[in-house]
Amino acid sequence: MEVRIRMQKIGKAANKRYNFRIVAISRQDSRQSQNLEILGYYDPSRKPASLSIDQEKLEHWLKKGARMTDTVRSLVNQLKAKKN
């Protein structure tokens, strides 16, 4: 089973204020299906955007062979840049 670390949309469509979960999920599953584990959250509607990722869980899944999508990789790099 190939695992991807990607974003899962949550929130209300009526007011178009979406938030996202960063999750580990099977590659074959749809975007809204059951995830394996929640790794963090991203809220782009806040100014500045709010980002929270559990680094230990992320490293755990990467060691197991999970691959990040380009968007998640970009967010992780932004988070690392802020901490340095």
N, C-alpha and C. Protein backbone atom coordinates (compact mmCIF):
# COMPACT_ATOMS: atom_id res chain seq x y z
N MET A 1 0.84 -1.17 0.00
CA MET A 1 0.00 0.00 0.00
C MET A 1 0.89 1.24 0.00
N GLU A 2 0.73 2.06 -1.00
CA GLU A 2 1.49 3.31 -1.09
C GLU A 2 0.76 4.40 -0.33
N VAL A 3 1.47 5.06 0.57
CA VAL A 3 0.87 6.09 1.42
C VAL A 3 1.35 7.46 0.95
N ARG A 4 0.41 8.39 0.90
CA ARG A 4 0.72 9.79 0.57
C ARG A 4 0.39 10.68 1.75
N ILE A 5 1.15 11.72 1.91
CA ILE A 5 0.86 12.75 2.90
C ILE A 5 0.31 13.92 2.10
N ARG A 6 -0.98 14.19 2.31
CA ARG A 6 -1.63 15.22 1.51
C ARG A 6 -2.65 15.98 2.34
N MET A 7 -3.30 16.95 1.70
CA MET A 7 -4.26 17.81 2.37
C MET A 7 -5.66 17.26 2.17
N GLN A 8 -6.48 17.37 3.22
CA GLN A 8 -7.87 16.94 3.18
C GLN A 8 -8.72 18.15 3.54
N LYS A 9 -9.63 18.54 2.65
CA LYS A 9 -10.44 19.73 2.84
C LYS A 9 -11.51 19.48 3.90
N ILE A 10 -11.62 20.43 4.83
CA ILE A 10 -12.68 20.41 5.83
C ILE A 10 -13.27 21.81 5.91
N GLY A 11 -14.43 21.96 6.44
CA GLY A 11 -15.03 23.28 6.57
C GLY A 11 -16.33 23.36 5.82
N LYS A 12 -16.89 24.53 5.77
CA LYS A 12 -18.20 24.75 5.17
C LYS A 12 -18.07 25.31 3.76
N ALA A 13 -18.82 24.73 2.84
CA ALA A 13 -18.81 25.20 1.46
C ALA A 13 -19.65 26.46 1.32
N ALA A 14 -20.61 26.66 2.20
CA ALA A 14 -21.53 27.80 2.08
C ALA A 14 -20.79 29.13 2.17
N ASN A 15 -19.87 29.25 3.10
CA ASN A 15 -19.16 30.52 3.24
C ASN A 15 -17.76 30.47 2.61
N LYS A 16 -17.42 29.36 1.97
CA LYS A 16 -16.14 29.17 1.26
C LYS A 16 -14.94 29.46 2.14
N ARG A 17 -15.04 29.10 3.40
CA ARG A 17 -13.92 29.23 4.33
C ARG A 17 -13.42 27.84 4.65
N TYR A 18 -12.61 27.34 3.79
CA TYR A 18 -12.10 25.98 3.96
C TYR A 18 -10.87 25.97 4.84
N ASN A 19 -10.75 24.93 5.61
CA ASN A 19 -9.54 24.60 6.35
C ASN A 19 -9.08 23.26 5.83
N PHE A 20 -7.87 22.91 6.13
CA PHE A 20 -7.33 21.65 5.64
C PHE A 20 -6.67 20.88 6.76
N ARG A 21 -6.80 19.57 6.70
CA ARG A 21 -6.02 18.67 7.54
C ARG A 21 -4.88 18.16 6.69
N ILE A 22 -3.76 17.95 7.31
CA ILE A 22 -2.65 17.28 6.64
C ILE A 22 -2.67 15.86 7.16
N VAL A 23 -2.87 14.90 6.25
CA VAL A 23 -3.13 13.52 6.66
C VAL A 23 -2.24 12.54 5.91
N ALA A 24 -2.05 11.38 6.52
CA ALA A 24 -1.45 10.24 5.85
C ALA A 24 -2.62 9.38 5.37
N ILE A 25 -2.63 9.07 4.08
CA ILE A 25 -3.75 8.36 3.48
C ILE A 25 -3.26 7.47 2.35
N SER A 26 -3.95 6.37 2.12
CA SER A 26 -3.59 5.47 1.03
C SER A 26 -3.73 6.20 -0.30
N ARG A 27 -2.83 5.99 -1.21
CA ARG A 27 -2.83 6.69 -2.50
C ARG A 27 -4.09 6.39 -3.31
N GLN A 28 -4.62 5.20 -3.20
CA GLN A 28 -5.77 4.81 -4.00
C GLN A 28 -7.08 5.38 -3.47
N ASP A 29 -7.11 5.82 -2.22
CA ASP A 29 -8.35 6.33 -1.63
C ASP A 29 -8.66 7.73 -2.12
N SER A 30 -9.95 8.09 -2.10
CA SER A 30 -10.34 9.43 -2.52
C SER A 30 -9.92 10.45 -1.48
N ARG A 31 -10.00 11.71 -1.84
CA ARG A 31 -9.53 12.78 -0.98
C ARG A 31 -10.31 12.84 0.34
N GLN A 32 -11.59 12.50 0.33
CA GLN A 32 -12.42 12.61 1.52
C GLN A 32 -12.62 11.28 2.24
N SER A 33 -11.88 10.26 1.88
CA SER A 33 -12.05 8.96 2.52
C SER A 33 -11.35 8.93 3.89
N GLN A 34 -11.46 7.79 4.56
CA GLN A 34 -10.87 7.62 5.89
C GLN A 34 -9.35 7.71 5.80
N ASN A 35 -8.76 8.55 6.65
CA ASN A 35 -7.31 8.71 6.64
C ASN A 35 -6.67 7.76 7.63
N LEU A 36 -5.38 7.52 7.47
CA LEU A 36 -4.64 6.66 8.38
C LEU A 36 -4.28 7.40 9.67
N GLU A 37 -3.89 8.68 9.52
CA GLU A 37 -3.54 9.49 10.69
C GLU A 37 -3.55 10.97 10.32
N ILE A 38 -3.99 11.79 11.25
CA ILE A 38 -3.96 13.25 11.06
C ILE A 38 -2.62 13.75 11.57
N LEU A 39 -1.90 14.47 10.69
CA LEU A 39 -0.56 14.96 11.02
C LEU A 39 -0.53 16.44 11.38
N GLY A 40 -1.53 17.19 10.94
CA GLY A 40 -1.53 18.61 11.24
C GLY A 40 -2.71 19.32 10.61
N TYR A 41 -2.70 20.65 10.71
CA TYR A 41 -3.77 21.49 10.21
C TYR A 41 -3.21 22.70 9.48
N TYR A 42 -4.00 23.20 8.51
CA TYR A 42 -3.63 24.41 7.77
C TYR A 42 -4.89 25.24 7.57
N ASP A 43 -4.83 26.51 7.99
CA ASP A 43 -5.96 27.43 7.84
C ASP A 43 -5.51 28.65 7.05
N PRO A 44 -5.77 28.67 5.74
CA PRO A 44 -5.32 29.79 4.92
C PRO A 44 -6.16 31.06 5.08
N SER A 45 -7.34 30.96 5.72
CA SER A 45 -8.21 32.12 5.84
C SER A 45 -7.73 33.11 6.91
N ARG A 46 -6.89 32.66 7.82
CA ARG A 46 -6.32 33.55 8.83
C ARG A 46 -5.21 34.39 8.21
N LYS A 47 -5.01 35.56 8.77
CA LYS A 47 -3.92 36.42 8.32
C LYS A 47 -2.96 36.64 9.46
N PRO A 48 -1.76 36.12 9.45
CA PRO A 48 -1.16 35.20 8.48
C PRO A 48 -1.73 33.79 8.61
N ALA A 49 -1.57 33.02 7.58
CA ALA A 49 -2.12 31.65 7.55
C ALA A 49 -1.57 30.83 8.72
N SER A 50 -2.44 30.00 9.28
CA SER A 50 -2.08 29.18 10.43
C SER A 50 -1.68 27.78 9.96
N LEU A 51 -0.53 27.30 10.43
CA LEU A 51 -0.03 26.00 10.04
C LEU A 51 0.51 25.28 11.26
N SER A 52 0.08 24.04 11.46
CA SER A 52 0.53 23.23 12.58
C SER A 52 0.75 21.80 12.10
N ILE A 53 1.98 21.30 12.26
CA ILE A 53 2.31 19.93 11.84
C ILE A 53 3.07 19.25 12.97
N ASP A 54 2.67 18.02 13.28
CA ASP A 54 3.37 17.21 14.28
C ASP A 54 4.59 16.58 13.59
N GLN A 55 5.77 17.11 13.88
CA GLN A 55 7.00 16.68 13.21
C GLN A 55 7.33 15.21 13.48
N GLU A 56 7.04 14.73 14.68
CA GLU A 56 7.34 13.33 15.01
C GLU A 56 6.50 12.38 14.16
N LYS A 57 5.21 12.68 14.03
CA LYS A 57 4.33 11.84 13.21
C LYS A 57 4.74 11.91 11.75
N LEU A 58 5.10 13.10 11.28
CA LEU A 58 5.52 13.27 9.90
C LEU A 58 6.77 12.43 9.61
N GLU A 59 7.76 12.52 10.48
CA GLU A 59 8.99 11.72 10.31
C GLU A 59 8.70 10.23 10.35
N HIS A 60 7.78 9.81 11.22
CA HIS A 60 7.40 8.40 11.32
C HIS A 60 6.86 7.89 9.98
N TRP A 61 5.97 8.65 9.36
CA TRP A 61 5.39 8.22 8.09
C TRP A 61 6.41 8.29 6.95
N LEU A 62 7.29 9.29 6.98
CA LEU A 62 8.31 9.38 5.94
C LEU A 62 9.27 8.20 6.02
N LYS A 63 9.60 7.76 7.24
CA LYS A 63 10.47 6.59 7.41
C LYS A 63 9.80 5.32 6.90
N LYS A 64 8.47 5.27 6.96
CA LYS A 64 7.72 4.11 6.46
C LYS A 64 7.58 4.14 4.95
N GLY A 65 8.03 5.21 4.30
CA GLY A 65 7.99 5.28 2.84
C GLY A 65 6.89 6.15 2.27
N ALA A 66 6.19 6.89 3.11
CA ALA A 66 5.15 7.78 2.61
C ALA A 66 5.78 8.92 1.81
N ARG A 67 5.03 9.40 0.82
CA ARG A 67 5.52 10.50 -0.01
C ARG A 67 4.60 11.69 0.14
N MET A 68 5.19 12.88 0.24
CA MET A 68 4.41 14.11 0.37
C MET A 68 4.02 14.63 -1.01
N THR A 69 2.83 15.24 -1.09
CA THR A 69 2.46 15.94 -2.31
C THR A 69 3.27 17.23 -2.38
N ASP A 70 3.29 17.85 -3.55
CA ASP A 70 4.06 19.08 -3.73
C ASP A 70 3.58 20.20 -2.80
N THR A 71 2.28 20.32 -2.61
CA THR A 71 1.72 21.36 -1.76
C THR A 71 2.14 21.17 -0.31
N VAL A 72 2.04 19.94 0.18
CA VAL A 72 2.43 19.67 1.56
C VAL A 72 3.93 19.89 1.74
N ARG A 73 4.73 19.47 0.76
CA ARG A 73 6.17 19.67 0.83
C ARG A 73 6.48 21.17 0.94
N SER A 74 5.77 21.98 0.17
CA SER A 74 5.97 23.43 0.21
C SER A 74 5.61 23.99 1.59
N LEU A 75 4.51 23.53 2.18
CA LEU A 75 4.11 23.99 3.51
C LEU A 75 5.12 23.58 4.58
N VAL A 76 5.62 22.35 4.48
CA VAL A 76 6.62 21.88 5.45
C VAL A 76 7.89 22.71 5.34
N ASN A 77 8.31 23.03 4.12
CA ASN A 77 9.50 23.86 3.92
C ASN A 77 9.29 25.27 4.49
N GLN A 78 8.08 25.82 4.34
CA GLN A 78 7.77 27.13 4.92
C GLN A 78 7.86 27.08 6.44
N LEU A 79 7.34 26.01 7.03
CA LEU A 79 7.37 25.86 8.47
C LEU A 79 8.81 25.75 8.98
N LYS A 80 9.65 25.00 8.25
CA LYS A 80 11.06 24.86 8.64
C LYS A 80 11.78 26.19 8.53
N ALA A 81 11.46 26.98 7.49
CA ALA A 81 12.10 28.28 7.30
C ALA A 81 11.72 29.25 8.42
N LYS A 82 10.49 29.18 8.90
CA LYS A 82 10.06 30.06 10.00
C LYS A 82 10.78 29.72 11.30
N LYS A 83 11.05 28.44 11.52
CA LYS A 83 11.69 28.02 12.77
C LYS A 83 13.17 28.37 12.79
N ASN A 84 13.79 28.53 11.63
CA ASN A 84 15.22 28.86 11.57
C ASN A 84 15.46 30.32 11.57
